[in-house]
Amino acid sequence: MRVFIPKLLTSLNSVLNKARLQLHLLIHPLNTTKASASSKRKPVETDSQTSPINVGDEEVRPEGVKAAKAKRSNAKGKSVADITTVWEMRTDDLDRKEKLSNLAILDTLLAKTQPLTTAEEEAKNKLLAQYI
C-alpha cells in the first residue's frame, strides 16, 4: 500500500501540471504580436494615387555586379598590350629564378670543404665569371 501512494501522487502531480500549462496557454498565447515592434520591411505607400509620378526624371543606376561580371567574361580576347606585359613579367620572373638557382649552386660549391672534381671546378669558375 505504501508503494502505491507515491506513484499515485506523482501521476496526480503530472496531471495538475498539464492542466496548469493548458490554463496558462489559454490566458497567455504563445504567438503574441507586438504592436510596437519594428518591421524589417519598408512601409508601403497606401495612397499611391496621390504620389507624384516623374516619367522623365529617372536616375541612372550603377551597373550591377552580375552584369559587370558578364561583360568582363564576354570579351572576345585580350589586347596585345595586356599579353605583352604578361609575357614581360613572366620572362623577368624566369630570369630571376634562374639567377637564384645559379647562386644557390655557387653557394654549395664554395661551401664544400672537400676538393672539387673537375666538372665542379669548371662550373664554379663559370658562375664566378658570370656574377663577378
N, C-alpha and C. Protein backbone atom coordinates (compact mmCIF):
# COMPACT_ATOMS: atom_id res chain seq x y z
N MET A 1 0.81 -1.19 0.00
CA MET A 1 0.00 0.00 0.00
C MET A 1 0.86 1.26 0.00
N ARG A 2 2.01 1.21 0.69
CA ARG A 2 2.87 2.38 0.77
C ARG A 2 3.51 2.69 -0.58
N VAL A 3 3.78 1.71 -1.41
CA VAL A 3 4.39 1.92 -2.71
C VAL A 3 3.38 2.54 -3.66
N PHE A 4 2.14 2.21 -3.51
CA PHE A 4 1.10 2.69 -4.40
C PHE A 4 0.84 4.19 -4.22
N ILE A 5 0.94 4.71 -3.02
CA ILE A 5 0.62 6.11 -2.73
C ILE A 5 1.60 7.07 -3.43
N PRO A 6 2.94 6.86 -3.38
CA PRO A 6 3.83 7.79 -4.09
C PRO A 6 3.59 7.79 -5.60
N LYS A 7 3.31 6.63 -6.18
CA LYS A 7 3.03 6.58 -7.62
C LYS A 7 1.77 7.36 -7.95
N LEU A 8 0.78 7.24 -7.08
CA LEU A 8 -0.46 7.96 -7.28
C LEU A 8 -0.23 9.47 -7.19
N LEU A 9 0.60 9.87 -6.22
CA LEU A 9 0.89 11.30 -6.06
C LEU A 9 1.65 11.86 -7.27
N THR A 10 2.60 11.12 -7.81
CA THR A 10 3.34 11.61 -8.97
C THR A 10 2.45 11.71 -10.19
N SER A 11 1.55 10.76 -10.37
CA SER A 11 0.65 10.85 -11.52
C SER A 11 -0.32 12.02 -11.37
N LEU A 12 -0.78 12.26 -10.12
CA LEU A 12 -1.67 13.41 -9.89
C LEU A 12 -0.93 14.72 -10.13
N ASN A 13 0.34 14.79 -9.73
CA ASN A 13 1.13 16.00 -9.96
C ASN A 13 1.32 16.26 -11.45
N SER A 14 1.55 15.22 -12.22
CA SER A 14 1.73 15.42 -13.66
C SER A 14 0.44 15.88 -14.31
N VAL A 15 -0.70 15.35 -13.87
CA VAL A 15 -1.99 15.78 -14.41
C VAL A 15 -2.24 17.24 -14.04
N LEU A 16 -1.92 17.61 -12.81
CA LEU A 16 -2.11 19.00 -12.39
C LEU A 16 -1.19 19.95 -13.17
N ASN A 17 0.03 19.53 -13.40
CA ASN A 17 0.96 20.38 -14.16
C ASN A 17 0.48 20.58 -15.60
N LYS A 18 -0.05 19.52 -16.20
CA LYS A 18 -0.58 19.65 -17.56
C LYS A 18 -1.77 20.61 -17.58
N ALA A 19 -2.62 20.51 -16.58
CA ALA A 19 -3.79 21.39 -16.52
C ALA A 19 -3.35 22.84 -16.33
N ARG A 20 -2.34 23.06 -15.47
CA ARG A 20 -1.83 24.42 -15.27
C ARG A 20 -1.26 24.99 -16.57
N LEU A 21 -0.53 24.15 -17.29
CA LEU A 21 0.07 24.60 -18.55
C LEU A 21 -1.01 24.96 -19.56
N GLN A 22 -2.05 24.13 -19.66
CA GLN A 22 -3.13 24.43 -20.60
C GLN A 22 -3.84 25.73 -20.22
N LEU A 23 -4.05 25.93 -18.93
CA LEU A 23 -4.69 27.15 -18.48
C LEU A 23 -3.81 28.36 -18.76
N HIS A 24 -2.52 28.20 -18.53
CA HIS A 24 -1.59 29.31 -18.79
C HIS A 24 -1.56 29.66 -20.29
N LEU A 25 -1.59 28.63 -21.14
CA LEU A 25 -1.57 28.87 -22.58
C LEU A 25 -2.86 29.51 -23.06
N LEU A 26 -3.96 29.21 -22.41
CA LEU A 26 -5.21 29.86 -22.77
C LEU A 26 -5.17 31.34 -22.41
N ILE A 27 -4.56 31.65 -21.27
CA ILE A 27 -4.51 33.04 -20.83
C ILE A 27 -3.46 33.81 -21.62
N HIS A 28 -2.28 33.22 -21.78
CA HIS A 28 -1.15 33.87 -22.46
C HIS A 28 -0.78 33.06 -23.70
N PRO A 29 -1.31 33.40 -24.85
CA PRO A 29 -0.96 32.62 -26.05
C PRO A 29 0.52 32.79 -26.41
N LEU A 30 1.07 31.80 -27.11
CA LEU A 30 2.49 31.79 -27.43
C LEU A 30 2.87 32.83 -28.47
N ASN A 31 2.06 32.98 -29.48
CA ASN A 31 2.43 33.88 -30.58
C ASN A 31 1.72 35.22 -30.44
N THR A 32 2.18 35.98 -29.49
CA THR A 32 1.62 37.32 -29.32
C THR A 32 2.32 38.26 -30.29
N THR A 33 1.55 39.11 -30.91
CA THR A 33 2.13 40.09 -31.81
C THR A 33 2.31 41.39 -31.06
N LYS A 34 3.47 41.96 -31.20
CA LYS A 34 3.76 43.22 -30.53
C LYS A 34 3.42 44.36 -31.48
N ALA A 35 2.63 45.27 -31.02
CA ALA A 35 2.23 46.41 -31.85
C ALA A 35 3.38 47.39 -32.01
N SER A 36 4.25 47.46 -31.01
CA SER A 36 5.34 48.43 -31.07
C SER A 36 6.59 47.87 -31.75
N ALA A 37 6.57 46.61 -32.15
CA ALA A 37 7.76 46.01 -32.77
C ALA A 37 7.97 46.60 -34.16
N SER A 38 9.21 46.88 -34.48
CA SER A 38 9.51 47.45 -35.80
C SER A 38 9.60 46.32 -36.82
N SER A 39 9.10 46.58 -37.97
CA SER A 39 9.11 45.60 -39.04
C SER A 39 10.37 45.75 -39.86
N LYS A 40 10.85 44.65 -40.44
CA LYS A 40 12.03 44.70 -41.29
C LYS A 40 11.72 45.25 -42.68
N ARG A 41 10.49 45.19 -43.05
CA ARG A 41 10.10 45.66 -44.37
C ARG A 41 9.89 47.17 -44.36
N LYS A 42 10.04 47.74 -45.54
CA LYS A 42 9.79 49.17 -45.68
C LYS A 42 8.29 49.41 -45.66
N PRO A 43 7.87 50.52 -45.14
CA PRO A 43 6.43 50.80 -45.15
C PRO A 43 5.94 51.04 -46.58
N VAL A 44 4.81 50.46 -46.88
CA VAL A 44 4.24 50.56 -48.22
C VAL A 44 3.33 51.78 -48.27
N GLU A 45 3.45 52.52 -49.36
CA GLU A 45 2.57 53.68 -49.52
C GLU A 45 1.18 53.20 -49.86
N THR A 46 0.24 53.53 -49.00
CA THR A 46 -1.13 53.08 -49.25
C THR A 46 -1.85 53.99 -50.23
N ASP A 47 -1.48 55.25 -50.25
CA ASP A 47 -2.14 56.21 -51.12
C ASP A 47 -1.23 56.48 -52.32
N SER A 48 -1.13 55.52 -53.22
CA SER A 48 -0.22 55.65 -54.35
C SER A 48 -0.75 56.60 -55.43
N GLN A 49 -2.03 56.89 -55.43
CA GLN A 49 -2.58 57.78 -56.45
C GLN A 49 -2.18 59.23 -56.21
N THR A 50 -1.93 59.59 -54.96
CA THR A 50 -1.56 60.96 -54.66
C THR A 50 -0.07 61.20 -54.80
N SER A 51 0.73 60.15 -54.89
CA SER A 51 2.17 60.35 -55.02
C SER A 51 2.50 60.77 -56.45
N PRO A 52 3.38 61.76 -56.60
CA PRO A 52 3.71 62.24 -57.95
C PRO A 52 4.54 61.20 -58.71
N ILE A 53 4.26 61.08 -59.99
CA ILE A 53 5.00 60.15 -60.83
C ILE A 53 5.81 60.95 -61.82
N ASN A 54 7.12 60.80 -61.77
CA ASN A 54 8.02 61.50 -62.68
C ASN A 54 8.48 60.51 -63.74
N VAL A 55 7.99 60.67 -64.94
CA VAL A 55 8.33 59.74 -66.01
C VAL A 55 9.71 60.04 -66.58
N GLY A 56 10.04 61.29 -66.77
CA GLY A 56 11.29 61.65 -67.42
C GLY A 56 12.47 61.76 -66.47
N ASP A 57 12.25 61.79 -65.16
CA ASP A 57 13.33 62.02 -64.20
C ASP A 57 13.80 60.71 -63.57
N GLU A 58 14.25 59.78 -64.36
CA GLU A 58 14.75 58.52 -63.80
C GLU A 58 16.23 58.63 -63.51
N GLU A 59 16.64 58.09 -62.39
CA GLU A 59 18.05 58.10 -62.03
C GLU A 59 18.75 56.95 -62.75
N VAL A 60 19.99 57.20 -63.14
CA VAL A 60 20.77 56.16 -63.79
C VAL A 60 21.37 55.29 -62.70
N ARG A 61 21.02 54.02 -62.72
CA ARG A 61 21.52 53.10 -61.71
C ARG A 61 22.91 52.61 -62.08
N PRO A 62 23.76 52.37 -61.10
CA PRO A 62 25.08 51.84 -61.41
C PRO A 62 24.96 50.40 -61.91
N GLU A 63 25.98 49.99 -62.63
CA GLU A 63 25.97 48.65 -63.20
C GLU A 63 26.07 47.63 -62.08
N GLY A 64 25.25 46.60 -62.14
CA GLY A 64 25.24 45.58 -61.11
C GLY A 64 26.45 44.68 -61.19
N VAL A 65 26.66 43.93 -60.13
CA VAL A 65 27.83 43.05 -60.05
C VAL A 65 27.72 41.94 -61.09
N LYS A 66 26.55 41.36 -61.21
CA LYS A 66 26.38 40.27 -62.18
C LYS A 66 26.57 40.77 -63.60
N ALA A 67 26.06 41.95 -63.90
CA ALA A 67 26.21 42.50 -65.24
C ALA A 67 27.67 42.81 -65.54
N ALA A 68 28.38 43.31 -64.55
CA ALA A 68 29.80 43.61 -64.74
C ALA A 68 30.60 42.34 -64.99
N LYS A 69 30.29 41.29 -64.25
CA LYS A 69 31.00 40.02 -64.45
C LYS A 69 30.68 39.43 -65.81
N ALA A 70 29.43 39.53 -66.24
CA ALA A 70 29.06 39.01 -67.55
C ALA A 70 29.75 39.77 -68.65
N LYS A 71 29.86 41.08 -68.52
CA LYS A 71 30.52 41.89 -69.53
C LYS A 71 32.01 41.57 -69.58
N ARG A 72 32.61 41.34 -68.41
CA ARG A 72 34.04 41.06 -68.35
C ARG A 72 34.38 39.73 -69.01
N SER A 73 33.56 38.70 -68.75
CA SER A 73 33.86 37.38 -69.31
C SER A 73 33.40 37.25 -70.75
N ASN A 74 32.64 38.21 -71.24
CA ASN A 74 32.12 38.15 -72.59
C ASN A 74 33.10 38.72 -73.61
N ALA A 75 34.22 39.25 -73.15
CA ALA A 75 35.19 39.86 -74.06
C ALA A 75 35.78 38.79 -74.98
N LYS A 76 36.00 39.14 -76.24
CA LYS A 76 36.49 38.17 -77.23
C LYS A 76 37.93 37.76 -76.93
N GLY A 77 38.79 38.72 -76.69
CA GLY A 77 40.19 38.40 -76.43
C GLY A 77 40.87 39.55 -75.74
N LYS A 78 42.05 39.25 -75.23
CA LYS A 78 42.80 40.31 -74.56
C LYS A 78 43.54 41.13 -75.59
N SER A 79 43.82 42.34 -75.21
CA SER A 79 44.55 43.21 -76.13
C SER A 79 46.01 42.79 -76.17
N VAL A 80 46.70 43.23 -77.20
CA VAL A 80 48.10 42.88 -77.40
C VAL A 80 48.95 43.46 -76.28
N ALA A 81 48.58 44.63 -75.80
CA ALA A 81 49.35 45.26 -74.73
C ALA A 81 49.29 44.43 -73.45
N ASP A 82 48.11 43.89 -73.15
CA ASP A 82 47.98 43.05 -71.96
C ASP A 82 48.84 41.80 -72.08
N ILE A 83 48.83 41.19 -73.25
CA ILE A 83 49.60 39.96 -73.45
C ILE A 83 51.09 40.24 -73.37
N THR A 84 51.54 41.36 -73.94
CA THR A 84 52.97 41.66 -73.89
C THR A 84 53.43 41.97 -72.47
N THR A 85 52.61 42.66 -71.69
CA THR A 85 53.01 42.94 -70.31
C THR A 85 53.08 41.66 -69.50
N VAL A 86 52.15 40.75 -69.72
CA VAL A 86 52.20 39.47 -69.01
C VAL A 86 53.43 38.68 -69.43
N TRP A 87 53.75 38.70 -70.72
CA TRP A 87 54.92 37.98 -71.22
C TRP A 87 56.21 38.56 -70.63
N GLU A 88 56.30 39.89 -70.55
CA GLU A 88 57.48 40.52 -69.98
C GLU A 88 57.64 40.18 -68.50
N MET A 89 56.54 40.20 -67.78
CA MET A 89 56.61 39.84 -66.36
C MET A 89 57.04 38.39 -66.19
N ARG A 90 56.55 37.51 -67.05
CA ARG A 90 56.91 36.09 -66.96
C ARG A 90 58.38 35.88 -67.26
N THR A 91 58.91 36.55 -68.29
CA THR A 91 60.33 36.37 -68.62
C THR A 91 61.22 36.94 -67.51
N ASP A 92 60.83 38.08 -66.93
CA ASP A 92 61.59 38.63 -65.81
C ASP A 92 61.60 37.66 -64.63
N ASP A 93 60.45 37.06 -64.37
CA ASP A 93 60.34 36.10 -63.27
C ASP A 93 61.23 34.89 -63.52
N LEU A 94 61.22 34.38 -64.74
CA LEU A 94 62.06 33.22 -65.06
C LEU A 94 63.54 33.56 -64.95
N ASP A 95 63.94 34.77 -65.38
CA ASP A 95 65.34 35.19 -65.26
C ASP A 95 65.77 35.25 -63.79
N ARG A 96 64.91 35.80 -62.96
CA ARG A 96 65.24 35.88 -61.52
C ARG A 96 65.36 34.49 -60.90
N LYS A 97 64.47 33.59 -61.28
CA LYS A 97 64.53 32.22 -60.74
C LYS A 97 65.81 31.53 -61.17
N GLU A 98 66.21 31.72 -62.43
CA GLU A 98 67.44 31.10 -62.92
C GLU A 98 68.65 31.67 -62.19
N LYS A 99 68.65 32.96 -61.95
CA LYS A 99 69.77 33.59 -61.23
C LYS A 99 69.85 33.06 -59.80
N LEU A 100 68.70 32.91 -59.15
CA LEU A 100 68.69 32.38 -57.79
C LEU A 100 69.19 30.95 -57.74
N SER A 101 68.78 30.13 -58.70
CA SER A 101 69.25 28.74 -58.70
C SER A 101 70.75 28.67 -58.96
N ASN A 102 71.27 29.52 -59.87
CA ASN A 102 72.72 29.55 -60.12
C ASN A 102 73.49 30.00 -58.89
N LEU A 103 72.96 30.99 -58.17
CA LEU A 103 73.62 31.45 -56.96
C LEU A 103 73.59 30.38 -55.87
N ALA A 104 72.52 29.60 -55.82
CA ALA A 104 72.45 28.51 -54.85
C ALA A 104 73.49 27.44 -55.17
N ILE A 105 73.66 27.13 -56.45
CA ILE A 105 74.69 26.16 -56.86
C ILE A 105 76.07 26.68 -56.52
N LEU A 106 76.33 27.95 -56.81
CA LEU A 106 77.63 28.55 -56.49
C LEU A 106 77.88 28.53 -54.99
N ASP A 107 76.86 28.79 -54.21
CA ASP A 107 77.00 28.77 -52.76
C ASP A 107 77.37 27.38 -52.25
N THR A 108 76.73 26.35 -52.79
CA THR A 108 77.07 24.99 -52.36
C THR A 108 78.48 24.61 -52.80
N LEU A 109 78.90 25.06 -53.99
CA LEU A 109 80.26 24.75 -54.46
C LEU A 109 81.31 25.47 -53.62
N LEU A 110 81.04 26.69 -53.23
CA LEU A 110 82.00 27.44 -52.41
C LEU A 110 82.04 26.92 -50.97
N ALA A 111 80.95 26.35 -50.49
CA ALA A 111 80.88 25.88 -49.11
C ALA A 111 81.51 24.50 -48.92
N LYS A 112 81.79 23.78 -50.00
CA LYS A 112 82.36 22.44 -49.88
C LYS A 112 83.78 22.53 -49.31
N THR A 113 84.06 21.66 -48.36
CA THR A 113 85.41 21.62 -47.78
C THR A 113 86.27 20.57 -48.46
N GLN A 114 85.64 19.61 -49.12
CA GLN A 114 86.39 18.58 -49.84
C GLN A 114 86.86 19.14 -51.17
N PRO A 115 87.90 18.54 -51.75
CA PRO A 115 88.35 19.03 -53.06
C PRO A 115 87.29 18.78 -54.13
N LEU A 116 87.15 19.75 -55.03
CA LEU A 116 86.13 19.69 -56.07
C LEU A 116 86.62 18.85 -57.25
N THR A 117 85.67 18.22 -57.93
CA THR A 117 86.01 17.49 -59.15
C THR A 117 86.24 18.51 -60.26
N THR A 118 86.69 18.03 -61.39
CA THR A 118 86.98 18.95 -62.50
C THR A 118 85.69 19.60 -63.02
N ALA A 119 84.60 18.85 -63.09
CA ALA A 119 83.33 19.41 -63.57
C ALA A 119 82.81 20.47 -62.59
N GLU A 120 82.94 20.18 -61.28
CA GLU A 120 82.50 21.15 -60.29
C GLU A 120 83.38 22.40 -60.31
N GLU A 121 84.67 22.21 -60.54
CA GLU A 121 85.59 23.35 -60.61
C GLU A 121 85.27 24.23 -61.81
N GLU A 122 84.96 23.60 -62.96
CA GLU A 122 84.60 24.36 -64.16
C GLU A 122 83.30 25.13 -63.95
N ALA A 123 82.31 24.49 -63.31
CA ALA A 123 81.02 25.14 -63.06
C ALA A 123 81.20 26.32 -62.11
N LYS A 124 82.05 26.13 -61.08
CA LYS A 124 82.31 27.21 -60.12
C LYS A 124 82.97 28.39 -60.82
N ASN A 125 83.97 28.11 -61.65
CA ASN A 125 84.66 29.20 -62.36
C ASN A 125 83.73 29.92 -63.32
N LYS A 126 82.87 29.17 -63.99
CA LYS A 126 81.92 29.77 -64.94
C LYS A 126 80.93 30.68 -64.20
N LEU A 127 80.39 30.20 -63.06
CA LEU A 127 79.43 31.00 -62.30
C LEU A 127 80.10 32.23 -61.68
N LEU A 128 81.32 32.08 -61.21
CA LEU A 128 82.04 33.23 -60.66
C LEU A 128 82.29 34.27 -61.73
N ALA A 129 82.66 33.84 -62.93
CA ALA A 129 82.91 34.78 -64.02
C ALA A 129 81.61 35.48 -64.44
N GLN A 130 80.51 34.78 -64.34
CA GLN A 130 79.22 35.35 -64.74
C GLN A 130 78.75 36.44 -63.77
N TYR A 131 78.95 36.24 -62.47
CA TYR A 131 78.41 37.16 -61.47
C TYR A 131 79.44 38.14 -60.90
N ILE A 132 80.70 37.98 -61.25
CA ILE A 132 81.71 38.92 -60.73
C ILE A 132 82.26 39.76 -61.85
